[in-house]
Protein backbone atom coordinates (compact mmCIF):
# COMPACT_ATOMS: atom_id res chain seq x y z
CA UNK A 1 117.45 114.14 61.27
CA UNK A 2 114.11 113.30 62.53
CA UNK A 3 112.00 115.90 63.99
CA UNK A 4 112.17 114.49 67.85
CA UNK A 5 116.11 114.56 67.94
CA UNK A 6 116.17 117.91 66.42
CA UNK A 7 113.66 119.16 69.67
CA UNK A 8 116.02 117.17 71.77
CA UNK A 9 118.88 119.42 70.18
CA UNK A 10 116.52 122.70 70.39
CA UNK A 11 115.68 122.22 74.16
CA UNK A 12 119.04 121.52 75.11
CA UNK A 13 120.24 124.98 73.77
CA UNK A 14 117.24 126.34 75.39
CA UNK A 15 118.48 124.96 78.67
CA UNK A 16 121.62 125.93 78.74
CA UNK A 17 120.92 129.03 77.78
CA UNK A 18 118.32 129.29 80.75
CA UNK A 19 121.15 127.87 83.31
CA UNK A 20 123.75 130.74 82.25
CA UNK A 21 121.51 133.43 82.87
CA UNK A 22 120.23 132.00 86.32
CA UNK A 23 118.32 134.83 87.79
CA UNK A 24 119.74 137.52 85.77
CA UNK A 25 117.59 138.85 82.93
CA UNK A 26 118.73 137.94 79.45
CA UNK A 27 120.85 139.67 77.36
CA UNK A 28 119.33 141.04 74.21
CA UNK A 29 121.88 138.64 71.94
CA UNK A 30 120.33 135.65 74.60
CA UNK A 31 117.10 136.97 74.22
CA UNK A 32 116.83 137.38 70.88
CA UNK A 33 118.36 133.11 70.35
CA UNK A 34 116.03 132.18 72.93
CA UNK A 35 112.76 133.17 71.10
CA UNK A 36 114.18 132.25 67.95
CA UNK A 37 114.62 129.03 69.79
CA UNK A 38 111.35 129.13 71.15
CA UNK A 39 109.34 129.71 67.65
CA UNK A 40 111.44 125.99 66.26
CA UNK A 41 110.45 124.57 69.09
CA UNK A 42 106.49 125.20 68.50
CA UNK A 43 107.08 124.34 65.46
CA UNK A 44 109.02 120.65 65.30
CA UNK A 45 105.85 120.21 68.53
CA UNK A 46 103.32 120.81 65.66
CA UNK A 47 105.35 118.59 63.11
CA UNK A 48 105.72 115.79 65.68
CA UNK A 49 102.16 115.47 66.63
CA UNK A 50 101.25 115.56 62.69
CA UNK A 51 103.34 112.66 62.03
CA UNK A 52 102.15 110.65 65.49
CA UNK A 53 98.57 111.44 64.08
CA UNK A 54 99.66 109.92 60.50
CA UNK A 55 101.70 106.91 61.66
CA UNK A 56 98.44 106.12 64.00
CA UNK A 57 96.37 106.74 61.26
CA UNK A 58 98.22 104.51 59.17
CA UNK A 59 98.14 101.65 61.97
CA UNK A 60 94.54 102.23 61.80
CA UNK A 61 94.58 101.34 58.10
CA UNK A 62 96.66 98.23 58.58
CA UNK A 63 94.77 96.62 61.07
CA UNK A 64 91.79 96.51 58.94
CA UNK A 65 91.52 92.89 57.39
CA UNK A 66 91.12 94.79 53.77
CA UNK A 67 94.41 96.61 54.13
CA UNK A 68 96.70 93.52 54.99
CA UNK A 69 97.78 89.96 54.23
CA UNK A 70 97.23 86.93 56.07
CA UNK A 71 100.23 86.56 58.63
CA UNK A 72 100.63 84.58 61.66
CA UNK A 73 97.08 86.03 63.10
CA UNK A 74 98.82 88.16 65.88
CA UNK A 75 97.12 91.23 66.69
CA UNK A 76 99.09 94.36 66.89
CA UNK A 77 99.38 96.83 69.65
CA UNK A 78 96.99 99.32 70.39
CA UNK A 79 98.17 102.95 69.19
CA UNK A 80 98.98 105.11 72.09
CA UNK A 81 98.66 108.53 72.50
CA UNK A 82 100.15 110.61 75.15
CA UNK A 83 98.51 114.13 75.65
CA UNK A 84 100.14 116.49 78.47
CA UNK A 85 97.96 117.64 81.05
CA UNK A 86 98.08 121.47 80.66
CA UNK A 87 97.48 121.81 84.35
CA UNK A 88 100.62 120.25 85.38
CA UNK A 89 102.11 123.99 84.64
CA UNK A 90 100.33 124.74 87.96
CA UNK A 91 102.49 122.66 89.97
CA UNK A 92 105.93 123.09 88.01
CA UNK A 93 107.18 119.67 88.75
CA UNK A 94 110.12 120.44 86.08
CA UNK A 95 111.68 122.95 88.18
CA UNK A 96 111.12 125.68 85.23
CA UNK A 97 111.76 129.40 86.65
CA UNK A 98 111.95 132.83 85.15
CA UNK A 99 111.08 133.59 81.45
CA UNK A 100 110.66 129.74 80.75
CA UNK A 101 108.22 128.70 83.30
CA UNK A 102 105.98 132.34 81.88
CA UNK A 103 106.37 130.88 78.29
CA UNK A 104 105.34 127.41 79.93
CA UNK A 105 102.52 128.90 81.42
CA UNK A 106 101.29 130.68 78.40
CA UNK A 107 101.45 127.21 76.44
CA UNK A 108 99.26 125.59 79.04
CA UNK A 109 96.53 128.28 78.85
CA UNK A 110 96.17 127.84 75.46
CA UNK A 111 96.19 124.34 75.53
CA UNK A 112 93.70 124.63 78.05
CA UNK A 113 91.32 126.46 76.09
CA UNK A 114 91.54 124.32 73.43
CA UNK A 115 87.54 123.62 72.09
CA UNK A 116 86.43 125.85 75.07
CA UNK A 117 86.43 128.68 72.88
CA UNK A 118 84.29 128.44 69.78
CA UNK A 119 84.60 131.21 67.28
CA UNK A 120 88.06 132.30 65.73
CA UNK A 121 88.08 135.86 66.31
CA UNK A 122 87.36 135.36 70.25
CA UNK A 123 90.71 132.57 70.04
CA UNK A 124 92.75 134.90 68.40
CA UNK A 125 92.07 137.75 70.84
CA UNK A 126 92.43 135.25 74.10
CA UNK A 127 96.19 134.57 72.48
CA UNK A 128 97.09 138.01 71.78
CA UNK A 129 96.42 138.83 75.39
CA UNK A 130 98.14 135.78 76.78
CA UNK A 131 101.20 136.78 74.91
CA UNK A 132 100.82 140.89 75.59
CA UNK A 133 100.55 139.59 79.40
CA UNK A 134 102.77 136.76 79.63
CA UNK A 135 105.30 137.94 82.04
CA UNK A 136 102.99 138.14 84.65
CA UNK A 137 103.09 134.84 86.10
CA UNK A 138 100.42 135.58 88.80
CA UNK A 139 97.96 136.70 86.26
CA UNK A 140 98.80 133.29 83.72
CA UNK A 141 98.64 131.13 86.97
CA UNK A 142 95.21 132.40 87.62
CA UNK A 143 93.50 131.79 84.18
CA UNK A 144 94.99 128.61 83.79
CA UNK A 145 93.81 127.62 87.39
CA UNK A 146 90.28 129.24 86.44
CA UNK A 147 90.21 126.59 83.25
CA UNK A 148 90.20 123.85 85.19
CA UNK A 149 86.96 121.47 84.92
CA UNK A 150 87.11 121.62 88.44
CA UNK A 151 86.96 125.42 88.79
CA UNK A 152 83.88 125.25 86.07
CA UNK A 153 81.46 123.01 87.80
CA UNK A 154 82.34 124.52 91.05
CA UNK A 155 81.57 128.47 90.02
CA UNK A 156 78.45 126.52 88.29
CA UNK A 157 77.31 125.02 91.53
CA UNK A 158 78.11 128.66 93.18
CA UNK A 159 75.93 130.42 90.79
CA UNK A 160 72.49 128.26 91.23
CA UNK A 161 72.96 128.53 94.62
CA UNK A 162 73.75 124.68 95.64
CA UNK A 163 77.45 125.32 97.14
CA UNK A 164 76.46 122.08 99.67
CA UNK A 165 77.31 119.82 96.67
CA UNK A 166 80.78 121.25 96.17
CA UNK A 167 83.29 118.34 96.22
CA UNK A 168 86.66 118.87 97.88
CA UNK A 169 88.40 118.96 94.81
CA UNK A 170 85.88 121.64 93.38
CA UNK A 171 86.19 124.06 96.76
CA UNK A 172 89.99 123.66 96.18
CA UNK A 173 89.64 124.91 92.74
CA UNK A 174 87.50 127.12 93.75
CA UNK A 175 89.60 128.70 96.33
CA UNK A 176 92.07 130.73 93.37
CA UNK A 177 88.86 132.38 91.51
CA UNK A 178 87.59 134.46 95.11
CA UNK A 179 88.75 138.30 94.30
CA UNK A 180 89.72 140.88 97.06
CA UNK A 181 86.04 141.28 97.59
CA UNK A 182 84.86 138.13 97.75
CA UNK A 183 83.36 137.49 94.56
CA UNK A 184 83.84 134.82 92.10
CA UNK A 185 85.72 135.13 88.90
CA UNK A 186 84.19 133.98 86.04
CA UNK A 187 85.63 131.02 84.73
CA UNK A 188 88.37 131.47 81.88
CA UNK A 189 86.59 130.82 78.66
CA UNK A 190 83.25 132.41 79.75
CA UNK A 191 84.84 135.74 80.88
CA UNK A 192 83.55 138.97 78.75
CA UNK A 193 86.84 140.48 80.05
CA UNK A 194 89.14 137.94 78.05
CA UNK A 195 86.49 136.78 75.03
CA UNK A 196 85.17 139.55 73.19
CA UNK A 197 83.97 139.77 69.69
CA UNK A 198 82.17 142.33 67.52
CA UNK A 199 79.31 139.88 66.14
CA UNK A 200 76.40 141.76 66.97
CA UNK A 201 78.15 144.09 69.28
CA UNK A 202 76.46 147.72 69.75
CA UNK A 203 79.72 149.38 70.93
CA UNK A 204 81.49 150.60 67.44
CA UNK A 205 84.12 151.99 69.58
CA UNK A 206 85.98 149.16 70.47
CA UNK A 207 86.25 148.25 66.28
CA UNK A 208 87.93 152.04 65.86
CA UNK A 209 89.72 152.65 69.01
CA UNK A 210 93.57 151.32 70.36
CA UNK A 211 92.39 148.92 73.13
CA UNK A 212 94.92 148.64 75.87
CA UNK A 213 95.06 145.74 79.36
CA UNK A 214 95.99 146.04 82.66
CA UNK A 215 96.44 143.34 84.99
CA UNK A 216 97.21 142.77 88.51
CA UNK A 217 96.70 145.73 91.21
CA UNK A 218 96.99 148.32 88.45
CA UNK A 219 94.01 150.65 88.38
CA UNK A 220 95.17 153.43 86.08
CA UNK A 221 96.71 153.34 82.54
CA UNK A 222 99.83 155.88 82.15
CA UNK A 223 100.65 156.49 78.49
CA UNK A 224 102.79 159.07 76.38
CA UNK A 225 101.73 161.37 74.35
CA UNK A 226 103.73 163.76 72.25
CA UNK A 227 103.30 166.13 69.03
CA UNK A 228 106.67 164.41 67.30
CA UNK A 229 109.94 165.91 66.84
CA UNK A 230 110.20 168.67 64.30
CA UNK A 231 113.20 168.27 62.50
CA UNK A 232 114.73 171.46 60.54
CA UNK A 233 117.47 172.14 57.14
CA UNK A 234 120.47 173.47 58.40
CA UNK A 235 123.72 174.23 56.94
CA UNK A 236 126.79 172.64 57.23
CA UNK A 237 129.11 173.28 60.70
CA UNK A 238 125.57 175.00 61.70
CA UNK A 239 124.63 174.12 65.25
CA UNK A 240 121.46 171.80 64.98
CA UNK A 241 118.18 173.59 66.64
CA UNK A 242 116.91 171.64 70.11
CA UNK A 243 113.90 169.62 68.49
CA UNK A 244 112.95 167.55 71.53
CA UNK A 245 109.21 167.65 71.80
CA UNK A 246 107.34 168.33 74.77
CA UNK A 247 105.86 164.95 76.40
CA UNK A 248 102.47 164.57 78.18
CA UNK A 249 101.23 161.62 80.14
CA UNK A 250 97.99 160.84 79.79
CA UNK A 251 96.16 158.94 82.39
CA UNK A 252 93.08 156.87 81.98
CA UNK A 253 91.21 155.58 85.45
CA UNK A 254 89.64 152.68 85.26
CA UNK A 255 85.55 153.11 86.43
CA UNK A 256 83.24 150.55 88.13
CA UNK A 257 80.76 148.71 86.56
CA UNK A 258 77.86 146.64 88.19
CA UNK A 259 74.71 144.72 87.13
CA UNK A 260 71.86 142.56 88.98
CA UNK A 261 69.44 140.40 87.82
CA UNK A 262 66.91 138.97 89.87
CA UNK A 263 64.80 135.57 89.11
CA UNK A 264 62.11 134.22 91.35
CA UNK A 265 62.59 130.45 92.78
CA UNK A 266 60.10 129.43 91.02
CA UNK A 267 62.44 130.62 87.80
CA UNK A 268 65.05 128.67 88.92
CA UNK A 269 63.23 125.21 88.98
CA UNK A 270 61.01 126.04 85.88
CA UNK A 271 63.63 127.34 83.71
CA UNK A 272 66.39 125.09 81.97
CA UNK A 273 70.04 126.84 81.29
CA UNK A 274 68.97 129.91 83.66
CA UNK A 275 72.20 130.44 84.47
CA UNK A 276 73.96 130.25 80.97
CA UNK A 277 71.10 132.90 79.90
CA UNK A 278 71.88 135.36 82.74
CA UNK A 279 75.98 135.14 81.28
CA UNK A 280 74.51 136.33 77.89
CA UNK A 281 72.59 139.05 79.51
CA UNK A 282 75.48 139.95 81.30
CA UNK A 283 77.61 140.28 78.24
CA UNK A 284 74.93 141.99 76.13
CA UNK A 285 74.68 144.35 79.11
CA UNK A 286 78.33 145.05 79.42
CA UNK A 287 78.51 145.58 75.91
CA UNK A 288 75.43 148.50 75.46
CA UNK A 289 77.06 150.16 78.68
CA UNK A 290 80.64 150.64 77.58
CA UNK A 291 79.20 151.56 73.86
CA UNK A 292 77.33 154.64 75.31
CA UNK A 293 80.17 155.33 77.81
CA UNK A 294 82.83 155.21 74.59
CA UNK A 295 80.56 157.96 72.85
CA UNK A 296 79.28 160.58 75.91
CA UNK A 297 80.83 158.99 79.30
CA UNK A 298 81.11 161.90 81.95
CA UNK A 299 84.60 160.98 82.83
CA UNK A 300 83.83 160.80 86.38
CA UNK A 301 81.60 157.82 87.17
CA UNK A 302 82.04 156.42 83.98
CA UNK A 303 84.94 156.37 80.92
CA UNK A 304 85.03 160.03 79.24
CA UNK A 305 83.44 159.16 75.85
CA UNK A 306 84.65 161.20 72.79
CA UNK A 307 82.41 163.66 72.17
CA UNK A 308 82.52 164.58 75.85
CA UNK A 309 86.31 165.06 75.57
CA UNK A 310 86.43 166.99 72.76
CA UNK A 311 83.59 169.22 74.09
CA UNK A 312 85.64 170.59 76.66
CA UNK A 313 88.32 171.15 74.23
CA UNK A 314 87.63 174.42 72.41
CA UNK A 315 90.86 173.95 69.75
CA UNK A 316 88.85 170.92 68.39
CA UNK A 317 85.27 172.47 67.92
CA UNK A 318 83.87 173.99 64.57
CA UNK A 319 80.28 175.23 64.68
CA UNK A 320 77.62 174.71 61.77
CA UNK A 321 77.24 177.74 58.97
CA UNK A 322 73.20 177.44 60.15
CA UNK A 323 71.76 176.42 63.09
CA UNK A 324 69.61 173.68 63.32
CA UNK A 325 71.16 172.26 59.61
CA UNK A 326 74.68 170.61 58.29
CA UNK A 327 75.67 171.63 54.90
CA UNK A 328 78.13 170.64 52.80
CA UNK A 329 80.52 173.70 53.80
CA UNK A 330 80.37 172.35 57.51
CA UNK A 331 81.54 168.70 56.31
CA UNK A 332 84.35 170.07 54.07
CA UNK A 333 85.41 172.35 57.03
CA UNK A 334 85.83 169.45 59.27
CA UNK A 335 87.58 167.23 56.61
CA UNK A 336 90.05 170.00 56.37
CA UNK A 337 90.66 171.25 59.64
CA UNK A 338 92.23 167.36 60.63
CA UNK A 339 95.67 167.57 60.49
CA UNK A 340 97.30 165.79 57.58
CA UNK A 341 99.00 162.79 59.89
CA UNK A 342 95.34 161.88 61.16
CA UNK A 343 93.08 162.61 57.94
CA UNK A 344 94.51 160.45 55.59
CA UNK A 345 93.29 157.54 58.85
CA UNK A 346 90.60 159.29 59.75
CA UNK A 347 86.62 158.15 60.58
CA UNK A 348 83.35 159.81 60.68
CA UNK A 349 81.45 158.98 63.38
CA UNK A 350 77.78 160.12 64.21
CA UNK A 351 73.91 159.35 64.93
CA UNK A 352 72.02 158.16 61.75
CA UNK A 353 69.69 161.50 62.28
CA UNK A 354 73.21 162.84 61.04
CA UNK A 355 74.05 160.85 58.22
CA UNK A 356 70.81 160.74 56.55
CA UNK A 357 71.12 164.99 57.11
CA UNK A 358 74.35 164.07 54.94
CA UNK A 359 72.87 162.35 52.30
CA UNK A 360 70.12 164.78 51.83
CA UNK A 361 72.40 167.29 50.92
CA UNK A 362 73.13 165.62 47.54
CA UNK A 363 74.36 168.17 45.10
CA UNK A 364 73.76 170.74 47.67
CA UNK A 365 70.96 172.14 45.81
CA UNK A 366 67.45 172.22 47.16
CA UNK A 367 66.68 168.75 48.79
CA UNK A 368 68.06 166.55 46.03
CA UNK A 369 68.82 163.10 46.99
CA UNK A 370 71.83 161.56 46.05
CA UNK A 371 70.53 158.54 45.45
CA UNK A 372 67.05 157.38 46.11
CA UNK A 373 64.90 156.28 49.09
CA UNK A 374 65.71 152.79 48.32
CA UNK A 375 69.28 153.08 48.10
CA UNK A 376 70.91 152.79 52.01
CA UNK A 377 73.59 155.92 53.01
CA UNK A 378 76.88 155.95 51.82
CA UNK A 379 79.42 154.13 54.07
CA UNK A 380 82.13 156.55 52.96
CA UNK A 381 82.19 161.04 53.15
CA UNK A 382 84.90 162.23 50.95
CA UNK A 383 86.07 158.67 50.63
CA UNK A 384 86.74 157.93 54.31
CA UNK A 385 84.61 155.33 56.15
CA UNK A 386 81.22 156.36 58.23
CA UNK A 387 80.56 154.62 61.46
CA UNK A 388 76.83 154.76 62.22
CA UNK A 389 75.85 154.56 66.27
CA UNK A 390 72.84 155.43 67.86
CA UNK A 391 74.98 155.77 71.07
CA UNK A 392 76.11 159.29 69.64
CA UNK A 393 74.62 162.18 70.13
CA UNK A 394 70.73 163.26 68.19
CA UNK A 395 69.84 166.41 69.82
CA UNK A 396 69.80 169.46 67.52
CA UNK A 397 68.27 172.87 68.74
CA UNK A 398 68.66 176.37 68.29
CA UNK A 399 69.59 177.30 71.58
CA UNK A 400 72.65 175.67 72.60
CA UNK A 401 75.85 174.20 70.96
CA UNK A 402 74.83 170.46 70.32
CA UNK A 403 77.69 168.07 69.41
CA UNK A 404 76.52 166.38 65.62
CA UNK A 405 79.92 164.95 64.19
CA UNK A 406 83.14 163.27 64.83
CA UNK A 407 86.09 162.82 62.43
CA UNK A 408 89.58 161.53 63.23
CA UNK A 409 92.15 159.35 63.52
CA UNK A 410 90.38 156.83 66.28
CA UNK A 411 93.51 155.43 67.38
CA UNK A 412 94.21 158.67 69.81
CA UNK A 413 91.25 157.09 71.65
CA UNK A 414 92.32 154.35 73.77
CA UNK A 415 90.17 151.78 75.45
CA UNK A 416 91.24 150.44 78.81
CA UNK A 417 89.90 146.72 79.75
CA UNK A 418 91.48 144.57 83.01
CA UNK A 419 91.00 141.34 81.22
CA UNK A 420 90.35 138.07 83.47
CA UNK A 421 88.55 140.75 86.27
CA UNK A 422 84.86 140.05 86.00
CA UNK A 423 83.52 138.80 89.32
CA UNK A 424 80.07 137.08 89.52
CA UNK A 425 78.42 136.76 92.81
CA UNK A 426 75.18 134.45 93.98
CA UNK A 427 72.54 135.74 96.25
CA UNK A 428 70.37 133.07 97.50
CA UNK A 429 67.81 135.48 99.13
CA UNK A 430 66.77 139.18 98.02
CA UNK A 431 64.70 141.17 100.93
CA UNK A 432 61.80 143.19 99.91
CA UNK A 433 62.19 147.22 100.96
CA UNK A 434 59.02 147.10 102.53
CA UNK A 435 59.79 145.06 105.71
CA UNK A 436 63.21 143.69 105.14
CA UNK A 437 61.96 140.36 104.39
CA UNK A 438 62.69 137.97 101.83
CA UNK A 439 60.26 137.52 99.09
CA UNK A 440 61.27 134.45 96.95
CA UNK A 441 63.48 135.95 94.48
CA UNK A 442 67.24 135.30 93.88
CA UNK A 443 69.76 137.04 91.99
CA UNK A 444 73.54 137.24 90.35
CA UNK A 445 75.38 140.13 91.04
CA UNK A 446 78.55 141.41 88.19
CA UNK A 447 80.81 143.18 88.49
CA UNK A 448 83.97 144.68 86.15
CA UNK A 449 86.12 147.73 85.34
CA UNK A 450 86.60 149.68 81.91
CA UNK A 451 87.90 153.08 81.74
CA UNK A 452 88.56 155.27 78.27
CA UNK A 453 89.55 158.75 76.96
CA UNK A 454 90.74 161.01 74.34
CA UNK A 455 94.41 160.80 74.78
CA UNK A 456 94.98 163.20 71.92
CA UNK A 457 91.87 165.78 70.78
CA UNK A 458 93.90 167.67 68.14
CA UNK A 459 93.37 164.17 66.46
CA UNK A 460 90.05 164.87 66.28
CA UNK A 461 87.60 167.50 65.05
CA UNK A 462 83.47 168.10 66.24
CA UNK A 463 81.26 169.54 64.59
CA UNK A 464 78.79 171.87 66.38
CA UNK A 465 75.38 173.08 65.75
CA UNK A 466 75.31 176.66 65.63
CA UNK A 467 72.94 178.52 68.24
CA UNK A 468 71.12 181.09 67.29
CA UNK A 469 69.97 182.28 71.05
C-alpha cells in the first residue's frame, strides 16, 4: 500500500470519528484514537512530501541529456509542485469544526512561520506555544492572520508613518491586529512574547523558573499548590487516617510594561532599517526589565521578584553568623535548611559580589583562594549549579538585614507570559512640554504584560546579612 492510499484511509477514519461525535466532546477512547491517527497523518504527509521531492529530482536528472538515451525527441512535461496555502485555514472552506479545525489552525500557523523564524530554539518555543494553546481557536486564528505577508507590510508602513500608502488588501489584513486599546499587534514572527531566546539574555530567571502562558482575556494566572499527601503505616483492619492535604490557590496577576523610543524626522530620513533597529531595542529593553523584576520586583507595579517574595516570609530566612561576612557555616546552613525534595533540584542564585566572597573562602583558612586569580569562579557549590546575575541584590551593610543568596528549586517560581500580546503604536509627532508644540520628533510606543512570583516559598532559603545595629 502506498503512502497516499494509506493517507486517504487515515483521513476517512478521522472524518468518521469527527462526524460521529458531532458537537459533543470526544470520549477518552475516541480522543486517543484521534491523536494516534493525527500523528500518523503527519508522518504520512511528511513521507509523501519526501517521496514527491525525490521523484522531482529524478525527473530533473532524467531531463538532462547526459542522463538519458536519445528517443523521439519529445520533451517531458515540467514537474508540478502543489503547495497548500496556510492562510486558507482562515476561510475554512473544508467546513471543519471543533477539534479538527483547531488542529488545522495549528498546522497552518506552523507552515506560515516556516523560514521566518531563524533560530531553532525559537522555532521549538513557538511550536510548544501553539500546541499548548491550540484549543483557543480565536487566538490561533489571530496569530495566523498576523502571519500574512499583507499584514507584515501594512504594519511596517504604519510604524514608519506611511499609512497613506496602505493598499486595500493591507487595510483588510490590518483589521485583525488592532487590540482593544487601539495599538497594532506586532506580526507573529516578530513578536517578542512569541519568539523568545536565551542567547545573550540578561534574564537568567527564564532559564530556571516555570514559565506559564495566558491567552484570551485572562489577566491573572491561578495555580494550585500543596505540600503533598502524607502516607502512614497502618495495621491490618485499622482505619486509615485522613491524609487529604491542604490546598492553596496561588494567583499571579499580569503587570503592564511600556517603552517609548523617539527619533527626529531627520533620523527617519537618514537611518536605514530604523524600524527593525527599534524593534531590537524594544526586545532588549523587555528582557532587561523582566530580568530585574524577577529578582527584586515589588509585586505591586511590577512582577514580584524571588528575593522580594522570600524576604516577606520569615520561615525561609537565615541570617549570617557575622555581619557583612559570608562564612562557610552560612553556606552549609542554607543548603541543609532546604527540604530534601527540593535540595536535589536546587540552584544557587546570587550577585557576583557574593560569589566572589564565597570563592575567597577557599579552605576557610585566613584569606586563601580555592584557586588563583586567573581561574574563574566556580559554577557549582556543594555540587549544585551557581547562577550569577547583576540583578540580584549586592548591598551589604551592618545596619540592616540585606538579602544575599537564594538556594532552592526554582520551578517553584512562576513566570506568566501573555504570548502574542505585544503592541506597538507609531506617534507621528511629539509635542514639546515647553509650549505644547511639535518639535520635529516621532516615536514608537510599546506595551506588553508579564507576571511573576514564588508559588512555594518553602522550596527556597534566603541568606541575609546579620545586622550589628
